[in-house]
Amino acid sequence: MHELSVVRALLTRLKPYQHREIRRITVEVGTMSCVDGERLQFCFDMVKEEAGLSGAELVIQVVPARAECRHCGRHFTPDKAGDACPCSSHDYTLTSGRQLLLTEIGFG
């Protein structure tokens, strides 16, 4: 479960703000990022008290994958890695959906 490592990295990013009361942490998780949102939430809930964030909530915004086909130029939404473009080409670039970003810290 690498989501625990992701949460620990997130907590490291929050250390400069721990002198303030953190109420909300918002992250973007792409559907092709290989991070499971439910597991990420579970791991955050498991360690938030020991990190001094017992009153904080983790808000996960799921970002769907988007791709641009190099063959036909079409923009499409692949359901999973390796999906073909509707034109049947596998030659495309993912333009979104791989991100894992800390986008907002809400303070109380």
PDB file of N, CA and C in Angstrom:
ATOM      1  N   MET A   1       0.857  -1.171   0.000  1.00  0.00           N
ATOM      2  CA  MET A   1       0.000   0.000   0.000  1.00  0.00           C
ATOM      3  C   MET A   1       0.905   1.237   0.000  1.00  0.00           C
ATOM      4  N   HIS A   2       1.196   1.758  -1.194  1.00  0.00           N
ATOM      5  CA  HIS A   2       2.070   2.927  -1.276  1.00  0.00           C
ATOM      6  C   HIS A   2       1.349   4.218  -0.916  1.00  0.00           C
ATOM      7  N   GLU A   3       0.041   4.159  -0.727  1.00  0.00           N
ATOM      8  CA  GLU A   3      -0.700   5.357  -0.325  1.00  0.00           C
ATOM      9  C   GLU A   3      -0.217   5.889   1.025  1.00  0.00           C
ATOM     10  N   LEU A   4       0.240   5.002   1.905  1.00  0.00           N
ATOM     11  CA  LEU A   4       0.781   5.453   3.191  1.00  0.00           C
ATOM     12  C   LEU A   4       2.037   6.297   2.970  1.00  0.00           C
ATOM     13  N   SER A   5       2.879   5.897   2.035  1.00  0.00           N
ATOM     14  CA  SER A   5       4.065   6.698   1.703  1.00  0.00           C
ATOM     15  C   SER A   5       3.664   8.045   1.122  1.00  0.00           C
ATOM     16  N   VAL A   6       2.600   8.057   0.332  1.00  0.00           N
ATOM     17  CA  VAL A   6       2.103   9.315  -0.236  1.00  0.00           C
ATOM     18  C   VAL A   6       1.625  10.234   0.885  1.00  0.00           C
ATOM     19  N   VAL A   7       0.896   9.682   1.849  1.00  0.00           N
ATOM     20  CA  VAL A   7       0.414  10.485   2.980  1.00  0.00           C
ATOM     21  C   VAL A   7       1.590  11.018   3.788  1.00  0.00           C
ATOM     22  N   ARG A   8       2.581  10.195   4.020  1.00  0.00           N
ATOM     23  CA  ARG A   8       3.748  10.659   4.786  1.00  0.00           C
ATOM     24  C   ARG A   8       4.477  11.787   4.044  1.00  0.00           C
ATOM     25  N   ALA A   9       4.564  11.690   2.725  1.00  0.00           N
ATOM     26  CA  ALA A   9       5.169  12.772   1.938  1.00  0.00           C
ATOM     27  C   ALA A   9       4.316  14.038   2.027  1.00  0.00           C
ATOM     28  N   LEU A  10       3.014  13.870   2.018  1.00  0.00           N
ATOM     29  CA  LEU A  10       2.102  15.009   2.162  1.00  0.00           C
ATOM     30  C   LEU A  10       2.299  15.683   3.520  1.00  0.00           C
ATOM     31  N   LEU A  11       2.423  14.885   4.564  1.00  0.00           N
ATOM     32  CA  LEU A  11       2.642  15.435   5.906  1.00  0.00           C
ATOM     33  C   LEU A  11       3.958  16.213   5.977  1.00  0.00           C
ATOM     34  N   THR A  12       4.962  15.748   5.272  1.00  0.00           N
ATOM     35  CA  THR A  12       6.237  16.465   5.217  1.00  0.00           C
ATOM     36  C   THR A  12       6.050  17.838   4.579  1.00  0.00           C
ATOM     37  N   ARG A  13       5.228  17.890   3.521  1.00  0.00           N
ATOM     38  CA  ARG A  13       4.951  19.176   2.855  1.00  0.00           C
ATOM     39  C   ARG A  13       4.189  20.131   3.768  1.00  0.00           C
ATOM     40  N   LEU A  14       3.444  19.594   4.731  1.00  0.00           N
ATOM     41  CA  LEU A  14       2.638  20.426   5.626  1.00  0.00           C
ATOM     42  C   LEU A  14       3.411  20.933   6.841  1.00  0.00           C
ATOM     43  N   LYS A  15       4.582  20.385   7.099  1.00  0.00           N
ATOM     44  CA  LYS A  15       5.341  20.762   8.305  1.00  0.00           C
ATOM     45  C   LYS A  15       5.552  22.266   8.460  1.00  0.00           C
ATOM     46  N   PRO A  16       5.852  23.022   7.404  1.00  0.00           N
ATOM     47  CA  PRO A  16       6.041  24.469   7.599  1.00  0.00           C
ATOM     48  C   PRO A  16       4.789  25.198   8.104  1.00  0.00           C
ATOM     49  N   TYR A  17       3.635  24.553   8.018  1.00  0.00           N
ATOM     50  CA  TYR A  17       2.374  25.191   8.410  1.00  0.00           C
ATOM     51  C   TYR A  17       1.804  24.643   9.713  1.00  0.00           C
ATOM     52  N   GLN A  18       2.528  23.755  10.391  1.00  0.00           N
ATOM     53  CA  GLN A  18       1.971  23.098  11.569  1.00  0.00           C
ATOM     54  C   GLN A  18       1.806  24.023  12.768  1.00  0.00           C
ATOM     55  N   HIS A  19       2.368  25.215  12.724  1.00  0.00           N
ATOM     56  CA  HIS A  19       2.143  26.173  13.811  1.00  0.00           C
ATOM     57  C   HIS A  19       0.745  26.782  13.705  1.00  0.00           C
ATOM     58  N   ARG A  20       0.075  26.543  12.587  1.00  0.00           N
ATOM     59  CA  ARG A  20      -1.294  27.032  12.383  1.00  0.00           C
ATOM     60  C   ARG A  20      -2.246  25.844  12.429  1.00  0.00           C
ATOM     61  N   GLU A  21      -3.508  26.121  12.665  1.00  0.00           N
ATOM     62  CA  GLU A  21      -4.502  25.052  12.716  1.00  0.00           C
ATOM     63  C   GLU A  21      -4.953  24.717  11.293  1.00  0.00           C
ATOM     64  N   ILE A  22      -4.547  23.550  10.823  1.00  0.00           N
ATOM     65  CA  ILE A  22      -4.929  23.095   9.483  1.00  0.00           C
ATOM     66  C   ILE A  22      -6.269  22.383   9.590  1.00  0.00           C
ATOM     67  N   ARG A  23      -7.248  22.850   8.845  1.00  0.00           N
ATOM     68  CA  ARG A  23      -8.601  22.276   8.882  1.00  0.00           C
ATOM     69  C   ARG A  23      -8.908  21.433   7.644  1.00  0.00           C
ATOM     70  N   ARG A  24      -8.292  21.797   6.509  1.00  0.00           N
ATOM     71  CA  ARG A  24      -8.624  21.105   5.266  1.00  0.00           C
ATOM     72  C   ARG A  24      -7.373  21.016   4.387  1.00  0.00           C
ATOM     73  N   ILE A  25      -7.193  19.852   3.803  1.00  0.00           N
ATOM     74  CA  ILE A  25      -6.094  19.622   2.874  1.00  0.00           C
ATOM     75  C   ILE A  25      -6.730  19.090   1.596  1.00  0.00           C
ATOM     76  N   THR A  26      -6.521  19.803   0.500  1.00  0.00           N
ATOM     77  CA  THR A  26      -7.122  19.398  -0.769  1.00  0.00           C
ATOM     78  C   THR A  26      -6.028  18.904  -1.704  1.00  0.00           C
ATOM     79  N   VAL A  27      -6.265  17.734  -2.284  1.00  0.00           N
ATOM     80  CA  VAL A  27      -5.323  17.161  -3.242  1.00  0.00           C
ATOM     81  C   VAL A  27      -6.069  16.773  -4.512  1.00  0.00           C
ATOM     82  N   GLU A  28      -5.364  16.865  -5.630  1.00  0.00           N
ATOM     83  CA  GLU A  28      -5.867  16.357  -6.901  1.00  0.00           C
ATOM     84  C   GLU A  28      -5.195  15.019  -7.146  1.00  0.00           C
ATOM     85  N   VAL A  29      -6.011  14.012  -7.454  1.00  0.00           N
ATOM     86  CA  VAL A  29      -5.500  12.679  -7.735  1.00  0.00           C
ATOM     87  C   VAL A  29      -6.008  12.265  -9.109  1.00  0.00           C
ATOM     88  N   GLY A  30      -5.097  12.090 -10.039  1.00  0.00           N
ATOM     89  CA  GLY A  30      -5.472  11.662 -11.383  1.00  0.00           C
ATOM     90  C   GLY A  30      -5.842  10.192 -11.415  1.00  0.00           C
ATOM     91  N   THR A  31      -6.773   9.859 -12.291  1.00  0.00           N
ATOM     92  CA  THR A  31      -7.218   8.466 -12.388  1.00  0.00           C
ATOM     93  C   THR A  31      -6.121   7.544 -12.915  1.00  0.00           C
ATOM     94  N   MET A  32      -5.082   8.098 -13.519  1.00  0.00           N
ATOM     95  CA  MET A  32      -3.955   7.297 -14.003  1.00  0.00           C
ATOM     96  C   MET A  32      -2.716   7.469 -13.120  1.00  0.00           C
ATOM     97  N   SER A  33      -2.892   7.991 -11.917  1.00  0.00           N
ATOM     98  CA  SER A  33      -1.753   8.252 -11.029  1.00  0.00           C
ATOM     99  C   SER A  33      -1.323   7.019 -10.237  1.00  0.00           C
ATOM    100  N   CYS A  34      -2.081   5.957 -10.318  1.00  0.00           N
ATOM    101  CA  CYS A  34      -1.810   4.731  -9.551  1.00  0.00           C
ATOM    102  C   CYS A  34      -1.984   4.947  -8.051  1.00  0.00           C
ATOM    103  N   VAL A  35      -2.761   5.953  -7.672  1.00  0.00           N
ATOM    104  CA  VAL A  35      -3.084   6.197  -6.267  1.00  0.00           C
ATOM    105  C   VAL A  35      -4.574   5.979  -6.101  1.00  0.00           C
ATOM    106  N   ASP A  36      -4.933   5.117  -5.167  1.00  0.00           N
ATOM    107  CA  ASP A  36      -6.336   4.821  -4.889  1.00  0.00           C
ATOM    108  C   ASP A  36      -6.855   5.821  -3.854  1.00  0.00           C
ATOM    109  N   GLY A  37      -7.875   6.571  -4.225  1.00  0.00           N
ATOM    110  CA  GLY A  37      -8.412   7.611  -3.349  1.00  0.00           C
ATOM    111  C   GLY A  37      -8.923   7.093  -2.019  1.00  0.00           C
ATOM    112  N   GLU A  38      -9.604   5.946  -2.030  1.00  0.00           N
ATOM    113  CA  GLU A  38     -10.128   5.383  -0.780  1.00  0.00           C
ATOM    114  C   GLU A  38      -8.995   4.967   0.148  1.00  0.00           C
ATOM    115  N   ARG A  39      -7.969   4.364  -0.411  1.00  0.00           N
ATOM    116  CA  ARG A  39      -6.817   3.968   0.412  1.00  0.00           C
ATOM    117  C   ARG A  39      -6.065   5.188   0.928  1.00  0.00           C
ATOM    118  N   LEU A  40      -5.982   6.212   0.091  1.00  0.00           N
ATOM    119  CA  LEU A  40      -5.331   7.448   0.519  1.00  0.00           C
ATOM    120  C   LEU A  40      -6.071   8.050   1.705  1.00  0.00           C
ATOM    121  N   GLN A  41      -7.397   8.081   1.623  1.00  0.00           N
ATOM    122  CA  GLN A  41      -8.215   8.609   2.721  1.00  0.00           C
ATOM    123  C   GLN A  41      -8.027   7.767   3.977  1.00  0.00           C
ATOM    124  N   PHE A  42      -8.037   6.446   3.821  1.00  0.00           N
ATOM    125  CA  PHE A  42      -7.854   5.537   4.955  1.00  0.00           C
ATOM    126  C   PHE A  42      -6.511   5.794   5.640  1.00  0.00           C
ATOM    127  N   CYS A  43      -5.452   5.903   4.850  1.00  0.00           N
ATOM    128  CA  CYS A  43      -4.117   6.125   5.414  1.00  0.00           C
ATOM    129  C   CYS A  43      -4.024   7.478   6.103  1.00  0.00           C
ATOM    130  N   PHE A  44      -4.636   8.505   5.509  1.00  0.00           N
ATOM    131  CA  PHE A  44      -4.637   9.823   6.140  1.00  0.00           C
ATOM    132  C   PHE A  44      -5.352   9.760   7.481  1.00  0.00           C
ATOM    133  N   ASP A  45      -6.524   9.137   7.504  1.00  0.00           N
ATOM    134  CA  ASP A  45      -7.285   9.029   8.749  1.00  0.00           C
ATOM    135  C   ASP A  45      -6.512   8.250   9.810  1.00  0.00           C
ATOM    136  N   MET A  46      -5.709   7.289   9.366  1.00  0.00           N
ATOM    137  CA  MET A  46      -4.952   6.445  10.275  1.00  0.00           C
ATOM    138  C   MET A  46      -3.826   7.222  10.977  1.00  0.00           C
ATOM    139  N   VAL A  47      -3.222   8.199  10.292  1.00  0.00           N
ATOM    140  CA  VAL A  47      -2.052   8.880  10.857  1.00  0.00           C
ATOM    141  C   VAL A  47      -2.287  10.344  11.230  1.00  0.00           C
ATOM    142  N   LYS A  48      -3.458  10.883  10.946  1.00  0.00           N
ATOM    143  CA  LYS A  48      -3.635  12.329  11.141  1.00  0.00           C
ATOM    144  C   LYS A  48      -3.529  12.758  12.604  1.00  0.00           C
ATOM    145  N   GLU A  49      -3.965  11.920  13.543  1.00  0.00           N
ATOM    146  CA  GLU A  49      -3.863  12.310  14.956  1.00  0.00           C
ATOM    147  C   GLU A  49      -2.420  12.378  15.413  1.00  0.00           C
ATOM    148  N   GLU A  50      -1.624  11.368  15.055  1.00  0.00           N
ATOM    149  CA  GLU A  50      -0.216  11.377  15.468  1.00  0.00           C
ATOM    150  C   GLU A  50       0.551  12.518  14.807  1.00  0.00           C
ATOM    151  N   ALA A  51       0.023  13.044  13.695  1.00  0.00           N
ATOM    152  CA  ALA A  51       0.665  14.168  13.003  1.00  0.00           C
ATOM    153  C   ALA A  51       0.152  15.518  13.493  1.00  0.00           C
ATOM    154  N   GLY A  52      -0.741  15.506  14.493  1.00  0.00           N
ATOM    155  CA  GLY A  52      -1.286  16.750  15.011  1.00  0.00           C
ATOM    156  C   GLY A  52      -2.349  17.373  14.127  1.00  0.00           C
ATOM    157  N   LEU A  53      -2.999  16.541  13.320  1.00  0.00           N
ATOM    158  CA  LEU A  53      -4.011  17.030  12.381  1.00  0.00           C
ATOM    159  C   LEU A  53      -5.372  16.403  12.648  1.00  0.00           C
ATOM    160  N   SER A  54      -5.676  16.150  13.916  1.00  0.00           N
ATOM    161  CA  SER A  54      -6.914  15.431  14.239  1.00  0.00           C
ATOM    162  C   SER A  54      -8.164  16.141  13.748  1.00  0.00           C
ATOM    163  N   GLY A  55      -8.138  17.469  13.640  1.00  0.00           N
ATOM    164  CA  GLY A  55      -9.311  18.204  13.175  1.00  0.00           C
ATOM    165  C   GLY A  55      -9.326  18.467  11.684  1.00  0.00           C
ATOM    166  N   ALA A  56      -8.356  17.941  10.966  1.00  0.00           N
ATOM    167  CA  ALA A  56      -8.253  18.219   9.530  1.00  0.00           C
ATOM    168  C   ALA A  56      -8.991  17.174   8.707  1.00  0.00           C
ATOM    169  N   GLU A  57      -9.519  17.621   7.586  1.00  0.00           N
ATOM    170  CA  GLU A  57     -10.129  16.696   6.637  1.00  0.00           C
ATOM    171  C   GLU A  57      -9.307  16.707   5.359  1.00  0.00           C
ATOM    172  N   LEU A  58      -9.254  15.558   4.719  1.00  0.00           N
ATOM    173  CA  LEU A  58      -8.582  15.421   3.434  1.00  0.00           C
ATOM    174  C   LEU A  58      -9.652  15.435   2.355  1.00  0.00           C
ATOM    175  N   VAL A  59      -9.547  16.378   1.439  1.00  0.00           N
ATOM    176  CA  VAL A  59     -10.479  16.475   0.318  1.00  0.00           C
ATOM    177  C   VAL A  59      -9.740  15.988  -0.920  1.00  0.00           C
ATOM    178  N   ILE A  60     -10.290  14.944  -1.541  1.00  0.00           N
ATOM    179  CA  ILE A  60      -9.658  14.356  -2.717  1.00  0.00           C
ATOM    180  C   ILE A  60     -10.485  14.711  -3.943  1.00  0.00           C
ATOM    181  N   GLN A  61      -9.876  15.441  -4.855  1.00  0.00           N
ATOM    182  CA  GLN A  61     -10.524  15.776  -6.118  1.00  0.00           C
ATOM    183  C   GLN A  61      -9.952  14.854  -7.187  1.00  0.00           C
ATOM    184  N   VAL A  62     -10.810  14.020  -7.746  1.00  0.00           N
ATOM    185  CA  VAL A  62     -10.380  13.063  -8.761  1.00  0.00           C
ATOM    186  C   VAL A  62     -10.352  13.762 -10.119  1.00  0.00           C
ATOM    187  N   VAL A  63      -9.217  13.644 -10.797  1.00  0.00           N
ATOM    188  CA  VAL A  63      -9.044  14.259 -12.114  1.00  0.00           C
ATOM    189  C   VAL A  63      -9.051  13.147 -13.159  1.00  0.00           C
ATOM    190  N   PRO A  64     -10.029  13.166 -14.058  1.00  0.00           N
ATOM    191  CA  PRO A  64     -10.092  12.108 -15.066  1.00  0.00           C
ATOM    192  C   PRO A  64      -8.934  12.200 -16.058  1.00  0.00           C
ATOM    193  N   ALA A  65      -8.587  11.067 -16.593  1.00  0.00           N
ATOM    194  CA  ALA A  65      -7.546  11.028 -17.616  1.00  0.00           C
ATOM    195  C   ALA A  65      -8.080  11.644 -18.905  1.00  0.00           C
ATOM    196  N   ARG A  66      -7.217  12.393 -19.569  1.00  0.00           N
ATOM    197  CA  ARG A  66      -7.519  12.944 -20.893  1.00  0.00           C
ATOM    198  C   ARG A  66      -6.291  12.666 -21.751  1.00  0.00           C
ATOM    199  N   ALA A  67      -6.545  12.384 -23.002  1.00  0.00           N
ATOM    200  CA  ALA A  67      -5.448  12.060 -23.910  1.00  0.00           C
ATOM    201  C   ALA A  67      -5.667  12.734 -25.256  1.00  0.00           C
ATOM    202  N   GLU A  68      -4.557  12.935 -25.962  1.00  0.00           N
ATOM    203  CA  GLU A  68      -4.607  13.466 -27.323  1.00  0.00           C
ATOM    204  C   GLU A  68      -3.910  12.465 -28.237  1.00  0.00           C
ATOM    205  N   CYS A  69      -4.637  12.008 -29.239  1.00  0.00           N
ATOM    206  CA  CYS A  69      -4.115  11.013 -30.172  1.00  0.00           C
ATOM    207  C   CYS A  69      -3.140  11.673 -31.147  1.00  0.00           C
ATOM    208  N   ARG A  70      -1.985  11.064 -31.306  1.00  0.00           N
ATOM    209  CA  ARG A  70      -0.997  11.583 -32.258  1.00  0.00           C
ATOM    210  C   ARG A  70      -1.346  11.192 -33.687  1.00  0.00           C
ATOM    211  N   HIS A  71      -2.196  10.204 -33.832  1.00  0.00           N
ATOM    212  CA  HIS A  71      -2.568   9.727 -35.170  1.00  0.00           C
ATOM    213  C   HIS A  71      -3.676  10.577 -35.787  1.00  0.00           C
ATOM    214  N   CYS A  72      -4.768  10.781 -35.035  1.00  0.00           N
ATOM    215  CA  CYS A  72      -5.923  11.498 -35.597  1.00  0.00           C
ATOM    216  C   CYS A  72      -6.158  12.869 -34.962  1.00  0.00           C
ATOM    217  N   GLY A  73      -5.458  13.174 -33.847  1.00  0.00           N
ATOM    218  CA  GLY A  73      -5.615  14.470 -33.196  1.00  0.00           C
ATOM    219  C   GLY A  73      -6.786  14.568 -32.236  1.00  0.00           C
ATOM    220  N   ARG A  74      -7.540  13.501 -32.101  1.00  0.00           N
ATOM    221  CA  ARG A  74      -8.725  13.508 -31.236  1.00  0.00           C
ATOM    222  C   ARG A  74      -8.321  13.576 -29.770  1.00  0.00           C
ATOM    223  N   HIS A  75      -9.128  14.279 -28.982  1.00  0.00           N
ATOM    224  CA  HIS A  75      -9.007  14.284 -27.524  1.00  0.00           C
ATOM    225  C   HIS A  75     -10.040  13.300 -26.995  1.00  0.00           C
ATOM    226  N   PHE A  76      -9.613  12.426 -26.082  1.00  0.00           N
ATOM    227  CA  PHE A  76     -10.530  11.416 -25.562  1.00  0.00           C
ATOM    228  C   PHE A  76     -10.176  11.079 -24.121  1.00  0.00           C
ATOM    229  N   THR A  77     -11.065  10.334 -23.485  1.00  0.00           N
ATOM    230  CA  THR A  77     -10.895   9.932 -22.090  1.00  0.00           C
ATOM    231  C   THR A  77     -10.667   8.424 -22.022  1.00  0.00           C
ATOM    232  N   PRO A  78      -9.421   7.995 -21.835  1.00  0.00           N
ATOM    233  CA  PRO A  78      -9.184   6.557 -21.668  1.00  0.00           C
ATOM    234  C   PRO A  78      -9.670   6.094 -20.294  1.00  0.00           C
ATOM    235  N   ASP A  79     -10.271   4.917 -20.252  1.00  0.00           N
ATOM    236  CA  ASP A  79     -10.758   4.371 -18.983  1.00  0.00           C
ATOM    237  C   ASP A  79      -9.637   3.775 -18.146  1.00  0.00           C
ATOM    238  N   LYS A  80      -8.636   3.232 -18.822  1.00  0.00           N
ATOM    239  CA  LYS A  80      -7.517   2.612 -18.109  1.00  0.00           C
ATOM    240  C   LYS A  80      -6.273   2.696 -18.988  1.00  0.00           C
ATOM    241  N   ALA A  81      -5.127   2.488 -18.373  1.00  0.00           N
ATOM    242  CA  ALA A  81      -3.872   2.528 -19.118  1.00  0.00           C
ATOM    243  C   ALA A  81      -3.907   1.498 -20.238  1.00  0.00           C
ATOM    244  N   GLY A  82      -3.443   1.896 -21.393  1.00  0.00           N
ATOM    245  CA  GLY A  82      -3.402   0.992 -22.532  1.00  0.00           C
ATOM    246  C   GLY A  82      -4.626   1.041 -23.419  1.00  0.00           C
ATOM    247  N   ASP A  83      -5.664   1.774 -23.008  1.00  0.00           N
ATOM    248  CA  ASP A  83      -6.842   1.913 -23.870  1.00  0.00           C
ATOM    249  C   ASP A  83      -6.440   2.599 -25.168  1.00  0.00           C
ATOM    250  N   ALA A  84      -7.084   2.198 -26.249  1.00  0.00           N
ATOM    251  CA  ALA A  84      -6.826   2.807 -27.550  1.00  0.00           C
ATOM    252  C   ALA A  84      -7.724   4.019 -27.754  1.00  0.00           C
ATOM    253  N   CYS A  85      -7.290   4.893 -28.623  1.00  0.00           N
ATOM    254  CA  CYS A  85      -8.118   6.005 -29.091  1.00  0.00           C
ATOM    255  C   CYS A  85      -9.309   5.403 -29.848  1.00  0.00           C
ATOM    256  N   PRO A  86     -10.417   6.107 -29.950  1.00  0.00           N
ATOM    257  CA  PRO A  86     -11.528   5.596 -30.757  1.00  0.00           C
ATOM    258  C   PRO A  86     -11.131   5.262 -32.199  1.00  0.00           C
ATOM    259  N   CYS A  87     -10.029   5.848 -32.701  1.00  0.00           N
ATOM    260  CA  CYS A  87      -9.558   5.507 -34.054  1.00  0.00           C
ATOM    261  C   CYS A  87      -8.722   4.224 -34.041  1.00  0.00           C
ATOM    262  N   SER A  88      -8.587   3.590 -32.876  1.00  0.00           N
ATOM    263  CA  SER A  88      -7.849   2.333 -32.652  1.00  0.00           C
ATOM    264  C   SER A  88      -6.344   2.510 -32.481  1.00  0.00           C
ATOM    265  N   SER A  89      -5.852   3.729 -32.503  1.00  0.00           N
ATOM    266  CA  SER A  89      -4.424   3.968 -32.314  1.00  0.00           C
ATOM    267  C   SER A  89      -4.078   3.954 -30.822  1.00  0.00           C
ATOM    268  N   HIS A  90      -2.892   3.432 -30.537  1.00  0.00           N
ATOM    269  CA  HIS A  90      -2.359   3.480 -29.176  1.00  0.00           C
ATOM    270  C   HIS A  90      -1.276   4.558 -29.051  1.00  0.00           C
ATOM    271  N   ASP A  91      -1.121   5.357 -30.081  1.00  0.00           N
ATOM    272  CA  ASP A  91      -0.103   6.402 -30.109  1.00  0.00           C
ATOM    273  C   ASP A  91      -0.730   7.719 -29.663  1.00  0.00           C
ATOM    274  N   TYR A  92      -0.711   7.940 -28.353  1.00  0.00           N
ATOM    275  CA  TYR A  92      -1.306   9.159 -27.806  1.00  0.00           C
ATOM    276  C   TYR A  92      -0.513   9.637 -26.599  1.00  0.00           C
ATOM    277  N   THR A  93      -0.791  10.867 -26.211  1.00  0.00           N
ATOM    278  CA  THR A  93      -0.163  11.485 -25.050  1.00  0.00           C
ATOM    279  C   THR A  93      -1.226  11.759 -24.001  1.00  0.00           C
ATOM    280  N   LEU A  94      -0.975  11.341 -22.772  1.00  0.00           N
ATOM    281  CA  LEU A  94      -1.877  11.711 -21.680  1.00  0.00           C
ATOM    282  C   LEU A  94      -1.657  13.185 -21.366  1.00  0.00           C
ATOM    283  N   THR A  95      -2.727  13.960 -21.407  1.00  0.00           N
ATOM    284  CA  THR A  95      -2.624  15.388 -21.117  1.00  0.00           C
ATOM    285  C   THR A  95      -3.056  15.710 -19.690  1.00  0.00           C
ATOM    286  N   SER A  96      -3.772  14.806 -19.055  1.00  0.00           N
ATOM    287  CA  SER A  96      -4.114  14.947 -17.633  1.00  0.00           C
ATOM    288  C   SER A  96      -4.477  13.577 -17.088  1.00  0.00           C
ATOM    289  N   GLY A  97      -4.511  13.505 -15.770  1.00  0.00           N
ATOM    290  CA  GLY A  97      -4.889  12.252 -15.124  1.00  0.00           C
ATOM    291  C   GLY A  97      -3.761  11.537 -14.417  1.00  0.00           C
ATOM    292  N   ARG A  98      -2.535  12.036 -14.567  1.00  0.00           N
ATOM    293  CA  ARG A  98      -1.406  11.411 -13.871  1.00  0.00           C
ATOM    294  C   ARG A  98      -0.998  12.182 -12.624  1.00  0.00           C
ATOM    295  N   GLN A  99      -1.623  13.316 -12.384  1.00  0.00           N
ATOM    296  CA  GLN A  99      -1.174  14.190 -11.309  1.00  0.00           C
ATOM    297  C   GLN A  99      -1.541  13.690  -9.917  1.00  0.00           C
ATOM    298  N   LEU A 100      -0.717  14.104  -8.998  1.00  0.00           N
ATOM    299  CA  LEU A 100      -0.961  13.945  -7.567  1.00  0.00           C
ATOM    300  C   LEU A 100      -0.434  15.235  -6.948  1.00  0.00           C
ATOM    301  N   LEU A 101      -1.352  16.181  -6.708  1.00  0.00           N
ATOM    302  CA  LEU A 101      -0.961  17.532  -6.321  1.00  0.00           C
ATOM    303  C   LEU A 101      -1.635  17.984  -5.037  1.00  0.00           C
ATOM    304  N   LEU A 102      -0.872  18.618  -4.186  1.00  0.00           N
ATOM    305  CA  LEU A 102      -1.432  19.345  -3.050  1.00  0.00           C
ATOM    306  C   LEU A 102      -1.868  20.692  -3.602  1.00  0.00           C
ATOM    307  N   THR A 103      -3.178  20.957  -3.603  1.00  0.00           N
ATOM    308  CA  THR A 103      -3.674  22.176  -4.248  1.00  0.00           C
ATOM    309  C   THR A 103      -4.126  23.248  -3.268  1.00  0.00           C
ATOM    310  N   GLU A 104      -4.467  22.853  -2.037  1.00  0.00           N
ATOM    311  CA  GLU A 104      -4.964  23.857  -1.095  1.00  0.00           C
ATOM    312  C   GLU A 104      -4.791  23.381   0.342  1.00  0.00           C
ATOM    313  N   ILE A 105      -4.462  24.316   1.203  1.00  0.00           N
ATOM    314  CA  ILE A 105      -4.431  24.073   2.645  1.00  0.00           C
ATOM    315  C   ILE A 105      -5.387  25.081   3.266  1.00  0.00           C
ATOM    316  N   GLY A 106      -6.403  24.584   3.953  1.00  0.00           N
ATOM    317  CA  GLY A 106      -7.368  25.462   4.616  1.00  0.00           C
ATOM    318  C   GLY A 106      -7.057  25.565   6.098  1.00  0.00           C
ATOM    319  N   PHE A 107      -7.021  26.781   6.600  1.00  0.00           N
ATOM    320  CA  PHE A 107      -6.685  27.019   7.998  1.00  0.00           C
ATOM    321  C   PHE A 107      -7.921  27.416   8.787  1.00  0.00           C
ATOM    322  N   GLY A 108      -7.933  27.041  10.087  1.00  0.00           N
ATOM    323  CA  GLY A 108      -9.060  27.348  10.961  1.00  0.00           C
ATOM    324  C   GLY A 108      -8.944  28.685  11.624  1.00  0.00           C
TER     325      GLY A 108
END
